[in-house]
Amino acid sequence: MAVVGLLHPGEMGSALGHALRAAGNTVLWASDGRSAATARRAEEAGLEDGGSPTELAARADVILSVCPPHAARDVLGSVSGFDRVYVDANAVSPATARELASDAPRFVDGGIVGPPPVDGRTVRLYLSGTEAGAVADLFAGTAVDARLVSSSPGDASAVKMAYAGWTKGTAALLLAIRALARVEGVEGALLAEWELSLPGLADRSEGAAASAGSKGWRWVGEMEEIAATFAAAGLPDGFHLAAADIFRRSPRADAAGLADVVDALT
């Protein structure tokens, strides 16, 4: 059993924290400067208030960072000097993960694939680093399927980048295609053709719009990290830079529908 500090419990982070508690670990969160919504999620997950990030770090055996990718460096900086296991489970490029590892002596790289583990759902947590096995053990018997990739930081993030490059990248492409068809006045004809040759694609574009409205703002940085991953591998990065722009333009509203997203794009 361990004392785990969770920075900061959003929808995914709070679900992971709940799983850690179910496995018998003590889970702290840092309430200092956080919103009422974050406090509510932490309370519902049964997390213990650890005060500030510095106070949390003084008590924790392990720190788990789950935040939007653009904030990963700042979150690590908030516990600067922490010398125990630090797990960055954010959607960052392998290069960013290795950069973070240079500032944390016992760094474990993490990549999350799947929805928050609630209501009977499971999620995969890919891990890499010399202490990845110990982190995986914290989730034993829970809805979090912790999978070891290698002993090298950056490898778990590479799995995440490759996976999300398809799932979220194609979601952005579908939204751009619906917007194009609407601008050209052929949306009805396109939908009829999809029904004949690609059934289910119309529904998938509707789902992409709902996700873009509720989560797209968090995916901008993720698409940019994926683009950087492609560029570092000598591959074209334009696919995912364009996807970042699609999500950047998307309205930030949980109730956004396809029409709202398409209007925002055009």
C-alpha atoms as a PDB file:
ATOM      1  CA  MET A   1       0.000   0.000   0.000  1.00  0.00           C
ATOM      2  CA  ALA A   2       1.219   3.511  -0.736  1.00  0.00           C
ATOM      3  CA  VAL A   3       0.350   7.160  -0.268  1.00  0.00           C
ATOM      4  CA  VAL A   4      -0.353   8.534  -3.737  1.00  0.00           C
ATOM      5  CA  GLY A   5      -0.547  12.239  -4.488  1.00  0.00           C
ATOM      6  CA  LEU A   6      -2.866  13.010  -7.422  1.00  0.00           C
ATOM      7  CA  LEU A   7      -2.290  16.195  -9.422  1.00  0.00           C
ATOM      8  CA  HIS A   8      -5.012  17.192 -10.390  1.00  0.00           C
ATOM      9  CA  PRO A   9      -8.287  15.200 -10.262  1.00  0.00           C
ATOM     10  CA  GLY A  10     -10.245  15.945 -13.419  1.00  0.00           C
ATOM     11  CA  GLU A  11     -12.690  13.406 -14.825  1.00  0.00           C
ATOM     12  CA  MET A  12      -9.985  10.856 -15.637  1.00  0.00           C
ATOM     13  CA  GLY A  13      -7.745  11.644 -12.670  1.00  0.00           C
ATOM     14  CA  SER A  14     -10.509  11.304 -10.111  1.00  0.00           C
ATOM     15  CA  ALA A  15     -11.515   7.934 -11.594  1.00  0.00           C
ATOM     16  CA  LEU A  16      -7.918   6.723 -11.363  1.00  0.00           C
ATOM     17  CA  GLY A  17      -7.770   8.013  -7.792  1.00  0.00           C
ATOM     18  CA  HIS A  18     -10.919   6.091  -6.926  1.00  0.00           C
ATOM     19  CA  ALA A  19      -9.349   2.927  -8.365  1.00  0.00           C
ATOM     20  CA  LEU A  20      -6.202   3.467  -6.314  1.00  0.00           C
ATOM     21  CA  ARG A  21      -8.300   3.828  -3.180  1.00  0.00           C
ATOM     22  CA  ALA A  22     -10.185   0.632  -4.037  1.00  0.00           C
ATOM     23  CA  ALA A  23      -6.824  -1.151  -4.075  1.00  0.00           C
ATOM     24  CA  GLY A  24      -6.133   0.020  -0.525  1.00  0.00           C
ATOM     25  CA  ASN A  25      -3.904   3.025  -1.193  1.00  0.00           C
ATOM     26  CA  THR A  26      -4.243   6.429   0.439  1.00  0.00           C
ATOM     27  CA  VAL A  27      -4.857   9.064  -2.239  1.00  0.00           C
ATOM     28  CA  LEU A  28      -4.226  12.762  -1.641  1.00  0.00           C
ATOM     29  CA  TRP A  29      -5.129  15.703  -3.815  1.00  0.00           C
ATOM     30  CA  ALA A  30      -4.001  19.344  -3.569  1.00  0.00           C
ATOM     31  CA  SER A  31      -6.937  21.698  -3.039  1.00  0.00           C
ATOM     32  CA  ASP A  32      -4.845  24.871  -3.008  1.00  0.00           C
ATOM     33  CA  GLY A  33      -6.059  27.115  -5.843  1.00  0.00           C
ATOM     34  CA  ARG A  34      -8.352  24.490  -7.385  1.00  0.00           C
ATOM     35  CA  SER A  35     -11.932  25.013  -8.499  1.00  0.00           C
ATOM     36  CA  ALA A  36     -15.141  23.988  -6.776  1.00  0.00           C
ATOM     37  CA  ALA A  37     -15.732  21.458  -9.566  1.00  0.00           C
ATOM     38  CA  THR A  38     -12.367  19.816  -8.873  1.00  0.00           C
ATOM     39  CA  ALA A  39     -13.144  19.721  -5.152  1.00  0.00           C
ATOM     40  CA  ARG A  40     -16.472  18.049  -5.857  1.00  0.00           C
ATOM     41  CA  ARG A  41     -14.851  15.371  -8.020  1.00  0.00           C
ATOM     42  CA  ALA A  42     -12.207  14.719  -5.368  1.00  0.00           C
ATOM     43  CA  GLU A  43     -14.829  14.380  -2.652  1.00  0.00           C
ATOM     44  CA  GLU A  44     -16.952  12.004  -4.748  1.00  0.00           C
ATOM     45  CA  ALA A  45     -13.871   9.865  -5.402  1.00  0.00           C
ATOM     46  CA  GLY A  46     -13.075   9.733  -1.693  1.00  0.00           C
ATOM     47  CA  LEU A  47      -9.750  11.533  -1.985  1.00  0.00           C
ATOM     48  CA  GLU A  48      -8.065  13.164   1.011  1.00  0.00           C
ATOM     49  CA  ASP A  49      -7.159  16.842   0.878  1.00  0.00           C
ATOM     50  CA  GLY A  50      -3.392  17.222   1.025  1.00  0.00           C
ATOM     51  CA  GLY A  51      -3.367  21.037   0.950  1.00  0.00           C
ATOM     52  CA  SER A  52      -0.837  22.561  -1.432  1.00  0.00           C
ATOM     53  CA  PRO A  53       1.246  20.587  -3.951  1.00  0.00           C
ATOM     54  CA  THR A  54       4.275  21.097  -1.704  1.00  0.00           C
ATOM     55  CA  GLU A  55       2.425  19.731   1.343  1.00  0.00           C
ATOM     56  CA  LEU A  56       1.136  16.814  -0.716  1.00  0.00           C
ATOM     57  CA  ALA A  57       4.646  16.013  -1.951  1.00  0.00           C
ATOM     58  CA  ALA A  58       5.950  15.875   1.611  1.00  0.00           C
ATOM     59  CA  ARG A  59       3.552  13.016   2.401  1.00  0.00           C
ATOM     60  CA  ALA A  60       3.405  11.085  -0.862  1.00  0.00           C
ATOM     61  CA  ASP A  61       5.330   7.967  -1.847  1.00  0.00           C
ATOM     62  CA  VAL A  62       4.169   8.393  -5.445  1.00  0.00           C
ATOM     63  CA  ILE A  63       2.838  11.385  -7.357  1.00  0.00           C
ATOM     64  CA  LEU A  64       0.504  10.854 -10.317  1.00  0.00           C
ATOM     65  CA  SER A  65       0.039  13.750 -12.749  1.00  0.00           C
ATOM     66  CA  VAL A  66      -3.126  13.695 -14.883  1.00  0.00           C
ATOM     67  CA  CYS A  67      -3.695  17.046 -16.572  1.00  0.00           C
ATOM     68  CA  PRO A  68      -4.011  18.620 -20.039  1.00  0.00           C
ATOM     69  CA  PRO A  69      -0.687  18.192 -21.872  1.00  0.00           C
ATOM     70  CA  HIS A  70       0.104  21.895 -21.991  1.00  0.00           C
ATOM     71  CA  ALA A  71       0.178  21.933 -18.175  1.00  0.00           C
ATOM     72  CA  ALA A  72       2.439  18.893 -17.662  1.00  0.00           C
ATOM     73  CA  ARG A  73       5.619  20.922 -17.143  1.00  0.00           C
ATOM     74  CA  ASP A  74       3.974  23.324 -14.689  1.00  0.00           C
ATOM     75  CA  VAL A  75       2.487  20.457 -12.673  1.00  0.00           C
ATOM     76  CA  LEU A  76       5.905  18.850 -12.328  1.00  0.00           C
ATOM     77  CA  GLY A  77       7.370  22.232 -11.417  1.00  0.00           C
ATOM     78  CA  SER A  78       4.828  22.619  -8.613  1.00  0.00           C
ATOM     79  CA  VAL A  79       6.533  19.724  -6.767  1.00  0.00           C
ATOM     80  CA  SER A  80      10.095  20.555  -7.776  1.00  0.00           C
ATOM     81  CA  GLY A  81      12.609  18.543  -5.781  1.00  0.00           C
ATOM     82  CA  PHE A  82      10.292  15.563  -5.245  1.00  0.00           C
ATOM     83  CA  ASP A  83      12.648  12.568  -5.057  1.00  0.00           C
ATOM     84  CA  ARG A  84      10.233   9.644  -5.003  1.00  0.00           C
ATOM     85  CA  VAL A  85       8.293   8.053  -7.877  1.00  0.00           C
ATOM     86  CA  TYR A  86       6.706  10.611 -10.206  1.00  0.00           C
ATOM     87  CA  VAL A  87       4.248   9.318 -12.827  1.00  0.00           C
ATOM     88  CA  ASP A  88       3.379  11.593 -15.731  1.00  0.00           C
ATOM     89  CA  ALA A  89       0.246  10.070 -17.303  1.00  0.00           C
ATOM     90  CA  ASN A  90      -0.407  12.920 -19.710  1.00  0.00           C
ATOM     91  CA  ALA A  91      -0.835  12.969 -23.485  1.00  0.00           C
ATOM     92  CA  VAL A  92       2.637  14.264 -24.304  1.00  0.00           C
ATOM     93  CA  SER A  93       5.165  13.372 -26.983  1.00  0.00           C
ATOM     94  CA  PRO A  94       8.018  10.971 -26.230  1.00  0.00           C
ATOM     95  CA  ALA A  95      10.418  13.931 -26.396  1.00  0.00           C
ATOM     96  CA  THR A  96       8.357  15.865 -23.842  1.00  0.00           C
ATOM     97  CA  ALA A  97       8.237  12.810 -21.575  1.00  0.00           C
ATOM     98  CA  ARG A  98      12.024  12.461 -21.716  1.00  0.00           C
ATOM     99  CA  GLU A  99      12.408  16.168 -20.988  1.00  0.00           C
ATOM    100  CA  LEU A 100      10.192  15.797 -17.929  1.00  0.00           C
ATOM    101  CA  ALA A 101      12.177  12.731 -16.877  1.00  0.00           C
ATOM    102  CA  SER A 102      15.331  14.838 -16.717  1.00  0.00           C
ATOM    103  CA  ASP A 103      13.715  16.836 -13.887  1.00  0.00           C
ATOM    104  CA  ALA A 104      12.409  13.873 -11.880  1.00  0.00           C
ATOM    105  CA  PRO A 105      14.971  11.304 -10.659  1.00  0.00           C
ATOM    106  CA  ARG A 106      12.441   8.452 -10.375  1.00  0.00           C
ATOM    107  CA  PHE A 107      10.272   9.182 -13.396  1.00  0.00           C
ATOM    108  CA  VAL A 108       7.653   6.820 -14.825  1.00  0.00           C
ATOM    109  CA  ASP A 109       6.062   7.635 -18.170  1.00  0.00           C
ATOM    110  CA  GLY A 110       2.362   6.864 -18.581  1.00  0.00           C
ATOM    111  CA  GLY A 111      -0.138   6.840 -21.436  1.00  0.00           C
ATOM    112  CA  ILE A 112      -3.877   6.425 -20.843  1.00  0.00           C
ATOM    113  CA  VAL A 113      -6.040   4.736 -23.483  1.00  0.00           C
ATOM    114  CA  GLY A 114      -9.784   4.468 -22.995  1.00  0.00           C
ATOM    115  CA  PRO A 115     -12.550   6.206 -21.033  1.00  0.00           C
ATOM    116  CA  PRO A 116     -12.515   6.887 -17.282  1.00  0.00           C
ATOM    117  CA  PRO A 117     -12.869   3.556 -15.425  1.00  0.00           C
ATOM    118  CA  VAL A 118     -16.381   4.009 -14.021  1.00  0.00           C
ATOM    119  CA  ASP A 119     -19.702   2.190 -14.447  1.00  0.00           C
ATOM    120  CA  GLY A 120     -18.003  -1.110 -15.188  1.00  0.00           C
ATOM    121  CA  ARG A 121     -15.636   0.242 -17.842  1.00  0.00           C
ATOM    122  CA  THR A 122     -11.900  -0.424 -17.884  1.00  0.00           C
ATOM    123  CA  VAL A 123      -8.999   1.704 -19.068  1.00  0.00           C
ATOM    124  CA  ARG A 124      -5.462   0.829 -20.114  1.00  0.00           C
ATOM    125  CA  LEU A 125      -2.557   2.606 -18.474  1.00  0.00           C
ATOM    126  CA  TYR A 126       0.644   2.029 -20.442  1.00  0.00           C
ATOM    127  CA  LEU A 127       3.785   2.518 -18.360  1.00  0.00           C
ATOM    128  CA  SER A 128       7.500   2.753 -19.089  1.00  0.00           C
ATOM    129  CA  GLY A 129      10.483   3.439 -16.848  1.00  0.00           C
ATOM    130  CA  THR A 130      12.628   1.490 -14.453  1.00  0.00           C
ATOM    131  CA  GLU A 131       9.973   1.652 -11.710  1.00  0.00           C
ATOM    132  CA  ALA A 132       6.969   1.112 -13.970  1.00  0.00           C
ATOM    133  CA  GLY A 133       6.295  -2.321 -12.466  1.00  0.00           C
ATOM    134  CA  ALA A 134       5.867  -0.890  -8.978  1.00  0.00           C
ATOM    135  CA  VAL A 135       3.373   1.646 -10.309  1.00  0.00           C
ATOM    136  CA  ALA A 136       1.430  -1.089 -12.121  1.00  0.00           C
ATOM    137  CA  ASP A 137       1.203  -3.010  -8.839  1.00  0.00           C
ATOM    138  CA  LEU A 138      -0.669  -0.090  -7.241  1.00  0.00           C
ATOM    139  CA  PHE A 139      -3.598  -0.763  -9.583  1.00  0.00           C
ATOM    140  CA  ALA A 140      -3.713  -4.537  -9.099  1.00  0.00           C
ATOM    141  CA  GLY A 141      -7.264  -5.871  -9.032  1.00  0.00           C
ATOM    142  CA  THR A 142      -8.856  -2.619 -10.227  1.00  0.00           C
ATOM    143  CA  ALA A 143     -10.554  -1.476 -13.439  1.00  0.00           C
ATOM    144  CA  VAL A 144      -7.232   0.065 -14.506  1.00  0.00           C
ATOM    145  CA  ASP A 145      -5.357  -2.399 -16.723  1.00  0.00           C
ATOM    146  CA  ALA A 146      -1.742  -1.303 -16.167  1.00  0.00           C
ATOM    147  CA  ARG A 147       0.532  -2.561 -18.950  1.00  0.00           C
ATOM    148  CA  LEU A 148       4.319  -2.400 -19.008  1.00  0.00           C
ATOM    149  CA  VAL A 149       5.902  -1.203 -22.256  1.00  0.00           C
ATOM    150  CA  SER A 150       9.617  -0.937 -21.445  1.00  0.00           C
ATOM    151  CA  SER A 151      12.110   0.493 -18.987  1.00  0.00           C
ATOM    152  CA  SER A 152      12.594   3.624 -21.120  1.00  0.00           C
ATOM    153  CA  PRO A 153      10.652   6.848 -20.428  1.00  0.00           C
ATOM    154  CA  GLY A 154       8.954   8.042 -23.592  1.00  0.00           C
ATOM    155  CA  ASP A 155       7.856   4.621 -24.830  1.00  0.00           C
ATOM    156  CA  ALA A 156       4.478   4.678 -23.053  1.00  0.00           C
ATOM    157  CA  SER A 157       3.856   8.152 -24.446  1.00  0.00           C
ATOM    158  CA  ALA A 158       4.721   6.869 -27.927  1.00  0.00           C
ATOM    159  CA  VAL A 159       1.946   4.267 -27.601  1.00  0.00           C
ATOM    160  CA  LYS A 160      -0.498   7.005 -26.583  1.00  0.00           C
ATOM    161  CA  MET A 161       0.556   9.315 -29.418  1.00  0.00           C
ATOM    162  CA  ALA A 162       0.179   6.583 -32.046  1.00  0.00           C
ATOM    163  CA  TYR A 163      -3.207   5.518 -30.690  1.00  0.00           C
ATOM    164  CA  ALA A 164      -4.707   9.008 -30.317  1.00  0.00           C
ATOM    165  CA  GLY A 165      -3.213  10.016 -33.661  1.00  0.00           C
ATOM    166  CA  TRP A 166      -5.872   7.769 -35.184  1.00  0.00           C
ATOM    167  CA  THR A 167      -8.836   8.098 -32.813  1.00  0.00           C
ATOM    168  CA  LYS A 168      -8.836  11.864 -32.285  1.00  0.00           C
ATOM    169  CA  GLY A 169      -7.098  12.728 -35.539  1.00  0.00           C
ATOM    170  CA  THR A 170      -9.799  11.003 -37.602  1.00  0.00           C
ATOM    171  CA  ALA A 171     -12.508  12.604 -35.453  1.00  0.00           C
ATOM    172  CA  ALA A 172     -11.160  16.010 -36.458  1.00  0.00           C
ATOM    173  CA  LEU A 173     -10.993  14.936 -40.106  1.00  0.00           C
ATOM    174  CA  LEU A 174     -14.645  13.836 -40.059  1.00  0.00           C
ATOM    175  CA  LEU A 175     -15.702  17.201 -38.647  1.00  0.00           C
ATOM    176  CA  ALA A 176     -13.747  19.038 -41.339  1.00  0.00           C
ATOM    177  CA  ILE A 177     -15.367  16.873 -44.039  1.00  0.00           C
ATOM    178  CA  ARG A 178     -18.880  17.579 -42.730  1.00  0.00           C
ATOM    179  CA  ALA A 179     -18.058  21.292 -42.699  1.00  0.00           C
ATOM    180  CA  LEU A 180     -16.748  21.143 -46.274  1.00  0.00           C
ATOM    181  CA  ALA A 181     -19.843  19.299 -47.516  1.00  0.00           C
ATOM    182  CA  ARG A 182     -22.111  21.839 -45.838  1.00  0.00           C
ATOM    183  CA  VAL A 183     -20.246  24.821 -47.298  1.00  0.00           C
ATOM    184  CA  GLU A 184     -20.465  23.261 -50.779  1.00  0.00           C
ATOM    185  CA  GLY A 185     -24.148  22.433 -50.339  1.00  0.00           C
ATOM    186  CA  VAL A 186     -23.722  18.681 -50.810  1.00  0.00           C
ATOM    187  CA  GLU A 187     -24.079  17.428 -47.243  1.00  0.00           C
ATOM    188  CA  GLY A 188     -27.276  15.517 -48.031  1.00  0.00           C
ATOM    189  CA  ALA A 189     -25.689  13.736 -50.972  1.00  0.00           C
ATOM    190  CA  LEU A 190     -22.614  12.880 -48.909  1.00  0.00           C
ATOM    191  CA  LEU A 191     -24.709  11.426 -46.099  1.00  0.00           C
ATOM    192  CA  ALA A 192     -26.672   9.334 -48.594  1.00  0.00           C
ATOM    193  CA  GLU A 193     -23.427   7.965 -50.041  1.00  0.00           C
ATOM    194  CA  TRP A 194     -22.070   7.238 -46.574  1.00  0.00           C
ATOM    195  CA  GLU A 195     -25.240   5.279 -45.822  1.00  0.00           C
ATOM    196  CA  LEU A 196     -24.615   3.159 -48.916  1.00  0.00           C
ATOM    197  CA  SER A 197     -20.870   2.623 -48.699  1.00  0.00           C
ATOM    198  CA  LEU A 198     -19.751   3.599 -45.196  1.00  0.00           C
ATOM    199  CA  PRO A 199     -22.697   2.984 -42.859  1.00  0.00           C
ATOM    200  CA  GLY A 200     -22.137   4.303 -39.362  1.00  0.00           C
ATOM    201  CA  LEU A 201     -19.879   7.149 -40.438  1.00  0.00           C
ATOM    202  CA  ALA A 202     -22.626   9.753 -40.039  1.00  0.00           C
ATOM    203  CA  ASP A 203     -23.204   8.641 -36.452  1.00  0.00           C
ATOM    204  CA  ARG A 204     -19.477   8.700 -35.843  1.00  0.00           C
ATOM    205  CA  SER A 205     -19.278  12.302 -37.038  1.00  0.00           C
ATOM    206  CA  GLU A 206     -22.102  13.209 -34.649  1.00  0.00           C
ATOM    207  CA  GLY A 207     -20.141  11.605 -31.809  1.00  0.00           C
ATOM    208  CA  ALA A 208     -17.015  13.476 -32.868  1.00  0.00           C
ATOM    209  CA  ALA A 209     -18.926  16.743 -32.625  1.00  0.00           C
ATOM    210  CA  ALA A 210     -20.195  15.948 -29.126  1.00  0.00           C
ATOM    211  CA  SER A 211     -16.664  15.105 -27.984  1.00  0.00           C
ATOM    212  CA  ALA A 212     -15.221  18.225 -29.611  1.00  0.00           C
ATOM    213  CA  GLY A 213     -17.689  20.399 -27.724  1.00  0.00           C
ATOM    214  CA  SER A 214     -17.039  18.864 -24.328  1.00  0.00           C
ATOM    215  CA  LYS A 215     -13.357  17.955 -24.600  1.00  0.00           C
ATOM    216  CA  GLY A 216     -11.911  19.548 -27.720  1.00  0.00           C
ATOM    217  CA  TRP A 217     -10.206  22.380 -25.855  1.00  0.00           C
ATOM    218  CA  ARG A 218      -8.092  19.756 -24.045  1.00  0.00           C
ATOM    219  CA  TRP A 219      -7.227  18.031 -27.310  1.00  0.00           C
ATOM    220  CA  VAL A 220      -5.553  21.044 -28.926  1.00  0.00           C
ATOM    221  CA  GLY A 221      -2.339  20.497 -26.982  1.00  0.00           C
ATOM    222  CA  GLU A 222      -2.583  16.742 -27.494  1.00  0.00           C
ATOM    223  CA  MET A 223      -2.766  17.156 -31.285  1.00  0.00           C
ATOM    224  CA  GLU A 224       0.253  19.461 -31.142  1.00  0.00           C
ATOM    225  CA  GLU A 225       2.178  16.861 -29.130  1.00  0.00           C
ATOM    226  CA  ILE A 226       1.224  14.206 -31.690  1.00  0.00           C
ATOM    227  CA  ALA A 227       2.356  16.493 -34.512  1.00  0.00           C
ATOM    228  CA  ALA A 228       5.701  16.961 -32.748  1.00  0.00           C
ATOM    229  CA  THR A 229       5.992  13.171 -32.412  1.00  0.00           C
ATOM    230  CA  PHE A 230       5.456  12.701 -36.149  1.00  0.00           C
ATOM    231  CA  ALA A 231       7.941  15.449 -36.980  1.00  0.00           C
ATOM    232  CA  ALA A 232      10.597  13.942 -34.705  1.00  0.00           C
ATOM    233  CA  ALA A 233      10.162  10.634 -36.577  1.00  0.00           C
ATOM    234  CA  GLY A 234      10.678  12.367 -39.924  1.00  0.00           C
ATOM    235  CA  LEU A 235       6.981  12.068 -40.821  1.00  0.00           C
ATOM    236  CA  PRO A 236       4.572  14.821 -41.953  1.00  0.00           C
ATOM    237  CA  ASP A 237       3.105  16.713 -39.005  1.00  0.00           C
ATOM    238  CA  GLY A 238       0.431  18.607 -40.926  1.00  0.00           C
ATOM    239  CA  PHE A 239      -2.346  16.088 -40.276  1.00  0.00           C
ATOM    240  CA  HIS A 240      -2.388  16.759 -36.566  1.00  0.00           C
ATOM    241  CA  LEU A 241      -1.569  20.456 -36.685  1.00  0.00           C
ATOM    242  CA  ALA A 242      -4.751  20.757 -38.729  1.00  0.00           C
ATOM    243  CA  ALA A 243      -6.583  18.604 -36.185  1.00  0.00           C
ATOM    244  CA  ALA A 244      -5.408  20.956 -33.441  1.00  0.00           C
ATOM    245  CA  ASP A 245      -6.921  23.852 -35.382  1.00  0.00           C
ATOM    246  CA  ILE A 246     -10.231  21.987 -35.761  1.00  0.00           C
ATOM    247  CA  PHE A 247     -10.452  21.460 -32.007  1.00  0.00           C
ATOM    248  CA  ARG A 248      -9.289  25.008 -31.336  1.00  0.00           C
ATOM    249  CA  ARG A 249     -12.194  26.359 -33.379  1.00  0.00           C
ATOM    250  CA  SER A 250     -14.768  24.023 -31.823  1.00  0.00           C
ATOM    251  CA  PRO A 251     -17.219  25.620 -29.382  1.00  0.00           C
ATOM    252  CA  ARG A 252     -16.528  24.888 -25.744  1.00  0.00           C
ATOM    253  CA  ALA A 253     -19.935  23.611 -24.673  1.00  0.00           C
ATOM    254  CA  ASP A 254     -21.030  20.248 -23.320  1.00  0.00           C
ATOM    255  CA  ALA A 255     -24.293  20.499 -25.261  1.00  0.00           C
ATOM    256  CA  ALA A 256     -22.681  21.353 -28.603  1.00  0.00           C
ATOM    257  CA  GLY A 257     -24.114  19.419 -31.526  1.00  0.00           C
ATOM    258  CA  LEU A 258     -22.848  18.852 -35.035  1.00  0.00           C
ATOM    259  CA  ALA A 259     -24.442  22.052 -36.362  1.00  0.00           C
ATOM    260  CA  ASP A 260     -22.765  24.112 -33.617  1.00  0.00           C
ATOM    261  CA  VAL A 261     -19.344  22.632 -34.356  1.00  0.00           C
ATOM    262  CA  VAL A 262     -19.660  22.931 -38.130  1.00  0.00           C
ATOM    263  CA  ASP A 263     -20.792  26.552 -37.810  1.00  0.00           C
ATOM    264  CA  ALA A 264     -17.772  27.294 -35.608  1.00  0.00           C
ATOM    265  CA  LEU A 265     -15.416  25.683 -38.110  1.00  0.00           C
ATOM    266  CA  THR A 266     -16.701  27.678 -41.059  1.00  0.00           C
END
